[in-house]
C-alpha cells in the first residue's frame, strides 16, 4: 500500500507547446554506468495551427489526437505522465507558517487563507503547496510555496492526456520543470554554486527567460518573440507555404541570400531580446550580472547562435542539451534526439519528476 521496496513506475514527461507536443521517457541506468539516465523513448508531434494559442489549449481534441500519435511514434507503453502549465498562468506566493503544523493542518489553514492571495473565486482554481524549508525570519516557521492556477488550465491538459489514453499523475509549472532540467545539466559541473545562470527558452511565439541562483528560479519573464518570426520572414521573402518554409529552414535548400538577409537579422534580434530580458532582470532584482546563458527551445538549434549571443552580450553562452550525459535505448534515433535536444528541456524536467 505504501510502495516500500516497490519499483517506481515510469513517467512520461509531456510538454504541450504552441506548435508541437514533446514526449520523453527516462529510466535509471545501473550504478556502474557512466550515465545516470537513459532515454527509453521520445517523440515530437506537430500540432495543427491554433490548437494551442499563447500556451492555452483551444482545441483539446486536436491536442489529444497529437498526443496519441506521439505515444504511438515513441513506442512507449507507459500510461502515466507529468504535464505542465505555463508559468504565466500560475500565481505563486511564498508564505510563512508554523513548523509544527502537519500537512493536513497546513492544507486546511491554506484553504482558509488562500482567498487573500488569489484574485479568483477559489472554486475556479486548482491550489497546491510545498514546504521549501525553514523560514529565515524564524526557526519556528517554515516557508511554504503556494501555487494556484485557474481550473481550465489544468483540466484542459488532463483531458488531452485522457484522450490519448494517458493519466496525468503530476501537473507541474513550466518554470519548475525547466529548473529540474537545468539542475540535471549543471549537476555534473564544478563551480556552478552561487552562480547566476539564465535560460532563454525561445519558443514559437514566446521567449521565456528564467534566472536561476544556486539552482533555484529567482526570476521569470515572458517576451513576445519566437521562432515563427523566422518562418514568416522566409514565407514572405521566398513565397513559400508555412510547412515548406519550416522544412527548408530545418533541412536547408533556401537561396544563397538567406544566411545574410534573413537568418542573421533574426539571430541579432534574438540576442537583443536576451539582452533586454537581462536588463529587466537586473532592474527588478538585487543581481546585476549573469555568469552564464543557456539557450533552449527550437531556435537554439540554429547553427552558431550561441556564438553570436556570447559575442553581443559578453556572457559565456551554450546551447542547452539535457541529454549530453545520457545513454539511449536502441529504438531511439540519436541524431533526431540531438537535433531536438534544446526544445526538450521542459519535457525532460517533467520526466525527472518520476525520480523524486
Protein backbone atom coordinates (compact mmCIF):
# COMPACT_ATOMS: atom_id res chain seq x y z
CA UNK A 1 0.00 0.00 0.00
CA UNK A 2 2.85 2.39 0.83
CA UNK A 3 5.11 1.25 -2.04
CA UNK A 4 8.04 0.25 0.18
CA UNK A 5 10.58 -1.69 -1.89
CA UNK A 6 8.43 -1.29 -4.98
CA UNK A 7 9.97 -0.06 -8.19
CA UNK A 8 8.64 3.37 -9.08
CA UNK A 9 6.55 3.24 -12.27
CA UNK A 10 7.97 5.12 -15.26
CA UNK A 11 6.59 8.55 -16.08
CA UNK A 12 6.24 10.29 -19.42
CA UNK A 13 7.28 13.94 -19.49
CA UNK A 14 4.94 15.76 -21.86
CA UNK A 15 5.45 19.35 -22.95
CA UNK A 16 2.48 20.88 -24.81
CA UNK A 17 3.87 23.90 -26.63
CA UNK A 18 2.33 26.21 -29.22
CA UNK A 19 3.44 24.18 -32.23
CA UNK A 20 4.11 20.63 -31.01
CA UNK A 21 3.76 18.07 -28.26
CA UNK A 22 7.04 16.67 -26.99
CA UNK A 23 7.28 13.38 -25.14
CA UNK A 24 10.19 11.81 -23.28
CA UNK A 25 10.55 8.71 -21.11
CA UNK A 26 13.64 8.20 -18.96
CA UNK A 27 14.93 5.33 -16.87
CA UNK A 28 17.71 5.00 -14.31
CA UNK A 29 20.84 3.28 -15.56
CA UNK A 30 22.79 0.70 -13.50
CA UNK A 31 25.11 2.05 -10.83
CA UNK A 32 28.25 1.12 -12.82
CA UNK A 33 27.09 3.04 -15.91
CA UNK A 34 28.77 6.29 -16.92
CA UNK A 35 25.38 7.94 -17.38
CA UNK A 36 22.71 8.36 -14.71
CA UNK A 37 19.70 8.27 -17.04
CA UNK A 38 18.73 6.54 -20.23
CA UNK A 39 16.29 7.81 -22.86
CA UNK A 40 13.80 4.97 -23.27
CA UNK A 41 11.50 6.66 -25.77
CA UNK A 42 10.85 10.05 -27.25
CA UNK A 43 8.73 11.77 -29.89
CA UNK A 44 7.86 15.20 -31.19
CA UNK A 45 4.48 15.58 -32.93
CA UNK A 46 3.49 18.85 -34.65
CA UNK A 47 0.18 20.43 -33.64
CA UNK A 48 -2.38 21.93 -36.03
CA UNK A 49 -2.38 25.71 -36.24
CA UNK A 50 -4.26 27.39 -33.38
CA UNK A 51 -4.74 24.19 -31.36
CA UNK A 52 -2.70 25.98 -28.68
CA UNK A 53 -2.72 29.79 -28.61
CA UNK A 54 -0.45 31.70 -26.21
CA UNK A 55 0.12 28.45 -24.29
CA UNK A 56 -3.62 27.94 -23.77
CA UNK A 57 -5.24 24.84 -25.29
CA UNK A 58 -8.07 25.91 -27.59
CA UNK A 59 -8.73 22.51 -29.21
CA UNK A 60 -8.49 19.72 -26.65
CA UNK A 61 -9.43 17.02 -29.18
CA UNK A 62 -6.67 18.04 -31.59
CA UNK A 63 -4.06 18.11 -28.83
CA UNK A 64 -5.25 14.73 -27.53
CA UNK A 65 -5.03 13.25 -31.03
CA UNK A 66 -1.47 14.53 -31.47
CA UNK A 67 -0.55 13.12 -28.08
CA UNK A 68 -1.90 9.75 -29.15
CA UNK A 69 0.25 9.89 -32.29
CA UNK A 70 3.31 10.88 -30.24
CA UNK A 71 2.83 7.93 -27.90
CA UNK A 72 2.50 5.55 -30.85
CA UNK A 73 5.55 7.01 -32.58
CA UNK A 74 7.64 6.75 -29.41
CA UNK A 75 6.76 3.10 -28.88
CA UNK A 76 6.25 3.71 -25.16
CA UNK A 77 3.79 1.59 -23.22
CA UNK A 78 3.81 3.89 -20.20
CA UNK A 79 0.41 5.32 -19.35
CA UNK A 80 1.24 7.77 -16.56
CA UNK A 81 2.50 11.25 -17.34
CA UNK A 82 3.60 14.61 -15.99
CA UNK A 83 2.47 17.75 -17.77
CA UNK A 84 2.93 21.46 -17.05
CA UNK A 85 1.02 24.71 -17.25
CA UNK A 86 2.78 27.87 -18.35
CA UNK A 87 4.35 30.00 -15.64
CA UNK A 88 2.25 33.00 -16.71
CA UNK A 89 -0.92 31.02 -15.94
CA UNK A 90 0.16 30.33 -12.35
CA UNK A 91 0.11 32.54 -9.27
CA UNK A 92 2.84 31.70 -6.79
CA UNK A 93 3.34 33.09 -3.32
CA UNK A 94 5.74 32.18 -0.52
CA UNK A 95 4.04 32.33 2.87
CA UNK A 96 5.32 31.51 6.35
CA UNK A 97 3.51 29.01 8.56
CA UNK A 98 4.20 27.35 11.93
CA UNK A 99 6.61 24.44 11.56
CA UNK A 100 4.54 22.34 13.98
CA UNK A 101 1.59 22.03 11.59
CA UNK A 102 1.01 18.67 9.94
CA UNK A 103 0.39 18.51 6.18
CA UNK A 104 -3.34 18.15 6.77
CA UNK A 105 -3.42 21.09 9.18
CA UNK A 106 -1.34 23.18 6.80
CA UNK A 107 -3.68 22.36 3.91
CA UNK A 108 -6.72 23.38 5.96
CA UNK A 109 -5.06 26.63 7.02
CA UNK A 110 -4.05 27.47 3.43
CA UNK A 111 -7.59 26.86 2.19
CA UNK A 112 -8.88 29.28 4.81
CA UNK A 113 -6.38 31.99 3.90
CA UNK A 114 -5.98 31.38 0.14
CA UNK A 115 -8.54 33.98 -0.91
CA UNK A 116 -6.26 36.81 0.25
CA UNK A 117 -3.53 35.65 -2.18
CA UNK A 118 -5.62 34.58 -5.19
CA UNK A 119 -7.70 37.07 -7.22
CA UNK A 120 -10.17 34.44 -8.47
CA UNK A 121 -13.05 32.62 -6.77
CA UNK A 122 -11.48 29.60 -5.04
CA UNK A 123 -13.93 27.21 -6.69
CA UNK A 124 -12.41 28.18 -10.07
CA UNK A 125 -8.78 27.41 -9.21
CA UNK A 126 -6.52 24.46 -8.50
CA UNK A 127 -4.28 25.03 -5.48
CA UNK A 128 -1.23 23.17 -4.24
CA UNK A 129 1.61 23.88 -1.84
CA UNK A 130 5.08 22.65 -0.95
CA UNK A 131 7.19 23.24 2.14
CA UNK A 132 10.51 24.60 0.91
CA UNK A 133 12.39 24.96 4.20
CA UNK A 134 12.84 26.79 7.48
CA UNK A 135 11.90 30.46 7.31
CA UNK A 136 14.76 32.95 7.51
CA UNK A 137 12.60 35.11 9.78
CA UNK A 138 12.11 32.46 12.50
CA UNK A 139 13.29 28.89 13.18
CA UNK A 140 9.77 28.08 14.40
CA UNK A 141 8.29 28.86 10.98
CA UNK A 142 8.60 27.26 7.55
CA UNK A 143 8.36 28.89 4.14
CA UNK A 144 5.61 27.36 2.04
CA UNK A 145 5.30 27.79 -1.72
CA UNK A 146 1.66 28.28 -2.66
CA UNK A 147 0.75 27.75 -6.34
CA UNK A 148 -2.65 28.32 -7.92
CA UNK A 149 -3.96 28.22 -11.47
CA UNK A 150 -7.42 28.54 -12.96
CA UNK A 151 -9.04 25.13 -13.22
CA UNK A 152 -9.40 25.28 -17.01
CA UNK A 153 -5.61 25.46 -17.45
CA UNK A 154 -5.21 22.18 -15.60
CA UNK A 155 -8.40 20.48 -16.79
CA UNK A 156 -7.67 21.02 -20.50
CA UNK A 157 -4.28 19.35 -20.18
CA UNK A 158 -5.66 16.47 -18.15
CA UNK A 159 -8.44 15.99 -20.72
CA UNK A 160 -6.00 16.00 -23.64
CA UNK A 161 -3.93 13.31 -21.95
CA UNK A 162 -7.07 11.32 -21.25
CA UNK A 163 -7.97 11.36 -24.96
CA UNK A 164 -4.53 9.88 -25.67
CA UNK A 165 -5.10 7.11 -23.12
CA UNK A 166 -2.76 8.67 -20.56
CA UNK A 167 -3.25 9.57 -16.90
CA UNK A 168 -1.84 12.86 -15.63
CA UNK A 169 -0.37 11.98 -12.24
CA UNK A 170 1.54 15.28 -11.97
CA UNK A 171 0.63 18.77 -13.18
CA UNK A 172 3.69 20.97 -12.72
CA UNK A 173 4.69 24.53 -13.65
CA UNK A 174 6.94 25.04 -16.68
CA UNK A 175 9.41 27.17 -14.71
CA UNK A 176 9.99 24.39 -12.18
CA UNK A 177 10.31 21.76 -14.93
CA UNK A 178 12.94 23.97 -16.57
CA UNK A 179 14.67 24.28 -13.20
CA UNK A 180 14.78 20.48 -12.91
CA UNK A 181 16.34 20.13 -16.36
CA UNK A 182 18.92 22.84 -15.62
CA UNK A 183 19.85 21.11 -12.36
CA UNK A 184 20.49 17.97 -14.41
CA UNK A 185 22.72 19.85 -16.86
CA UNK A 186 24.65 21.77 -14.21
CA UNK A 187 24.79 18.97 -11.65
CA UNK A 188 27.84 17.37 -13.16
CA UNK A 189 29.77 20.62 -13.45
CA UNK A 190 32.00 22.29 -10.89
CA UNK A 191 31.93 25.92 -9.78
CA UNK A 192 28.23 26.46 -10.50
CA UNK A 193 27.34 27.15 -6.87
CA UNK A 194 26.33 30.75 -6.22
CA UNK A 195 26.26 31.43 -9.96
CA UNK A 196 23.51 33.20 -11.84
CA UNK A 197 22.53 31.02 -14.79
CA UNK A 198 19.97 32.46 -17.16
CA UNK A 199 17.94 30.37 -19.58
CA UNK A 200 16.41 31.88 -22.71
CA UNK A 201 13.77 29.40 -23.86
CA UNK A 202 12.87 30.56 -27.38
CA UNK A 203 9.53 29.06 -28.33
CA UNK A 204 7.44 29.56 -31.45
CA UNK A 205 5.82 32.84 -30.38
CA UNK A 206 7.16 33.48 -26.86
CA UNK A 207 10.60 33.60 -25.31
CA UNK A 208 10.59 32.69 -21.62
CA UNK A 209 13.50 33.97 -19.61
CA UNK A 210 14.46 32.14 -16.39
CA UNK A 211 17.15 33.26 -13.96
CA UNK A 212 18.48 30.67 -11.53
CA UNK A 213 20.63 31.30 -8.46
CA UNK A 214 22.11 28.29 -6.69
CA UNK A 215 19.94 26.17 -8.98
CA UNK A 216 16.70 27.84 -7.87
CA UNK A 217 14.47 30.03 -10.01
CA UNK A 218 14.59 33.63 -8.80
CA UNK A 219 13.04 35.36 -11.81
CA UNK A 220 10.83 34.51 -14.80
CA UNK A 221 9.68 36.71 -17.64
CA UNK A 222 7.92 36.12 -20.96
CA UNK A 223 8.51 38.24 -24.07
CA UNK A 224 6.65 38.23 -27.38
CA UNK A 225 9.37 36.88 -29.61
CA UNK A 226 9.80 33.43 -31.13
CA UNK A 227 10.96 31.22 -33.95
CA UNK A 228 7.83 31.78 -36.02
CA UNK A 229 9.24 35.21 -36.91
CA UNK A 230 11.97 33.47 -38.86
CA UNK A 231 9.50 31.14 -40.59
CA UNK A 232 7.19 34.03 -41.50
CA UNK A 233 10.06 36.04 -42.96
CA UNK A 234 11.09 33.04 -45.08
CA UNK A 235 7.47 32.64 -46.23
CA UNK A 236 7.20 36.24 -47.32
CA UNK A 237 10.61 36.63 -48.92
CA UNK A 238 10.55 33.38 -50.88
CA UNK A 239 6.77 32.98 -51.42
CA UNK A 240 6.55 29.63 -49.61
CA UNK A 241 3.77 27.95 -47.66
CA UNK A 242 4.44 27.73 -43.92
CA UNK A 243 5.11 23.96 -43.90
CA UNK A 244 7.53 24.31 -46.82
CA UNK A 245 9.26 27.27 -45.19
CA UNK A 246 9.71 25.32 -41.96
CA UNK A 247 11.05 22.31 -43.83
CA UNK A 248 13.64 24.37 -45.71
CA UNK A 249 14.74 26.26 -42.61
CA UNK A 250 15.40 22.95 -40.83
CA UNK A 251 16.79 20.89 -43.73
CA UNK A 252 18.29 23.59 -45.97
CA UNK A 253 17.62 24.41 -49.60
CA UNK A 254 16.94 28.14 -49.36
CA UNK A 255 18.54 30.73 -51.69
CA UNK A 256 22.07 31.99 -51.05
CA UNK A 257 20.94 35.30 -49.56
CA UNK A 258 19.02 33.52 -46.75
CA UNK A 259 22.02 33.49 -44.40
CA UNK A 260 22.75 37.20 -44.63
CA UNK A 261 19.34 38.71 -45.38
CA UNK A 262 17.07 36.58 -43.18
CA UNK A 263 18.90 34.36 -40.70
CA UNK A 264 21.50 36.85 -39.47
CA UNK A 265 18.92 39.59 -38.69
CA UNK A 266 16.84 37.00 -36.78
CA UNK A 267 19.89 35.93 -34.75
CA UNK A 268 20.67 39.57 -33.99
CA UNK A 269 17.06 40.13 -32.89
CA UNK A 270 17.24 37.07 -30.65
CA UNK A 271 20.41 38.38 -28.99
CA UNK A 272 18.70 41.76 -28.46
CA UNK A 273 15.73 40.03 -26.80
CA UNK A 274 18.02 38.17 -24.41
CA UNK A 275 19.87 41.39 -23.64
CA UNK A 276 16.60 43.21 -22.99
CA UNK A 277 15.42 40.43 -20.66
CA UNK A 278 18.69 40.65 -18.75
CA UNK A 279 18.20 44.37 -18.21
CA UNK A 280 14.68 43.78 -16.88
CA UNK A 281 16.11 41.12 -14.55
CA UNK A 282 18.85 43.41 -13.24
CA UNK A 283 16.46 46.31 -12.68
CA UNK A 284 13.91 44.23 -10.75
CA UNK A 285 16.25 42.17 -8.55
CA UNK A 286 19.33 42.51 -6.38
CA UNK A 287 21.50 40.93 -9.07
CA UNK A 288 23.44 42.98 -11.61
CA UNK A 289 25.31 40.35 -13.60
CA UNK A 290 24.94 36.83 -15.01
CA UNK A 291 27.59 34.12 -15.14
CA UNK A 292 26.20 32.02 -17.95
CA UNK A 293 23.44 31.86 -20.55
CA UNK A 294 21.74 28.66 -21.69
CA UNK A 295 19.80 28.84 -24.95
CA UNK A 296 16.82 26.48 -25.13
CA UNK A 297 13.85 25.98 -27.44
CA UNK A 298 13.72 25.15 -31.13
CA UNK A 299 15.58 28.29 -32.26
CA UNK A 300 18.59 27.30 -30.12
CA UNK A 301 19.32 24.67 -32.78
CA UNK A 302 20.29 27.40 -35.28
CA UNK A 303 23.99 26.82 -36.04
CA UNK A 304 26.37 29.09 -34.11
CA UNK A 305 23.56 31.06 -32.44
CA UNK A 306 25.34 30.72 -29.09
CA UNK A 307 28.49 32.31 -30.52
CA UNK A 308 26.63 35.41 -31.67
CA UNK A 309 24.76 35.82 -28.36
CA UNK A 310 28.01 35.46 -26.40
CA UNK A 311 29.75 37.97 -28.66
CA UNK A 312 26.95 40.53 -28.38
CA UNK A 313 26.35 40.22 -24.62
CA UNK A 314 29.80 39.28 -23.34
CA UNK A 315 28.47 36.38 -21.27
CA UNK A 316 29.51 32.72 -21.79
CA UNK A 317 26.68 31.12 -23.75
CA UNK A 318 25.93 27.48 -24.57
CA UNK A 319 23.06 25.57 -26.14
CA UNK A 320 21.10 23.53 -23.61
CA UNK A 321 21.37 19.76 -24.08
CA UNK A 322 19.70 17.74 -21.33
CA UNK A 323 20.86 14.51 -23.00
CA UNK A 324 24.58 15.26 -23.01
CA UNK A 325 25.30 12.70 -20.29
CA UNK A 326 22.51 10.24 -21.06
CA UNK A 327 22.52 6.96 -22.94
CA UNK A 328 19.72 5.97 -25.31
CA UNK A 329 17.70 2.82 -25.92
CA UNK A 330 18.25 1.12 -29.31
CA UNK A 331 14.89 2.30 -30.66
CA UNK A 332 15.72 5.97 -30.04
CA UNK A 333 17.07 7.80 -33.10
CA UNK A 334 20.04 9.61 -31.58
CA UNK A 335 20.59 12.14 -34.43
CA UNK A 336 16.97 13.31 -34.15
CA UNK A 337 17.21 13.39 -30.36
CA UNK A 338 20.33 15.56 -30.54
CA UNK A 339 18.69 17.94 -33.00
CA UNK A 340 15.59 18.31 -30.83
CA UNK A 341 17.50 18.47 -27.52
CA UNK A 342 17.28 22.26 -26.85
CA UNK A 343 13.50 22.11 -27.23
CA UNK A 344 13.09 19.15 -24.88
CA UNK A 345 14.10 20.87 -21.64
CA UNK A 346 10.61 21.19 -20.14
CA UNK A 347 9.68 17.62 -21.14
CA UNK A 348 12.88 16.29 -19.54
CA UNK A 349 12.27 18.31 -16.39
CA UNK A 350 8.81 16.74 -16.16
CA UNK A 351 10.10 13.21 -16.78
CA UNK A 352 12.58 13.70 -13.93
CA UNK A 353 9.63 14.06 -11.55
CA UNK A 354 9.33 10.28 -11.80
CA UNK A 355 12.53 10.01 -9.77
CA UNK A 356 11.59 12.40 -6.94
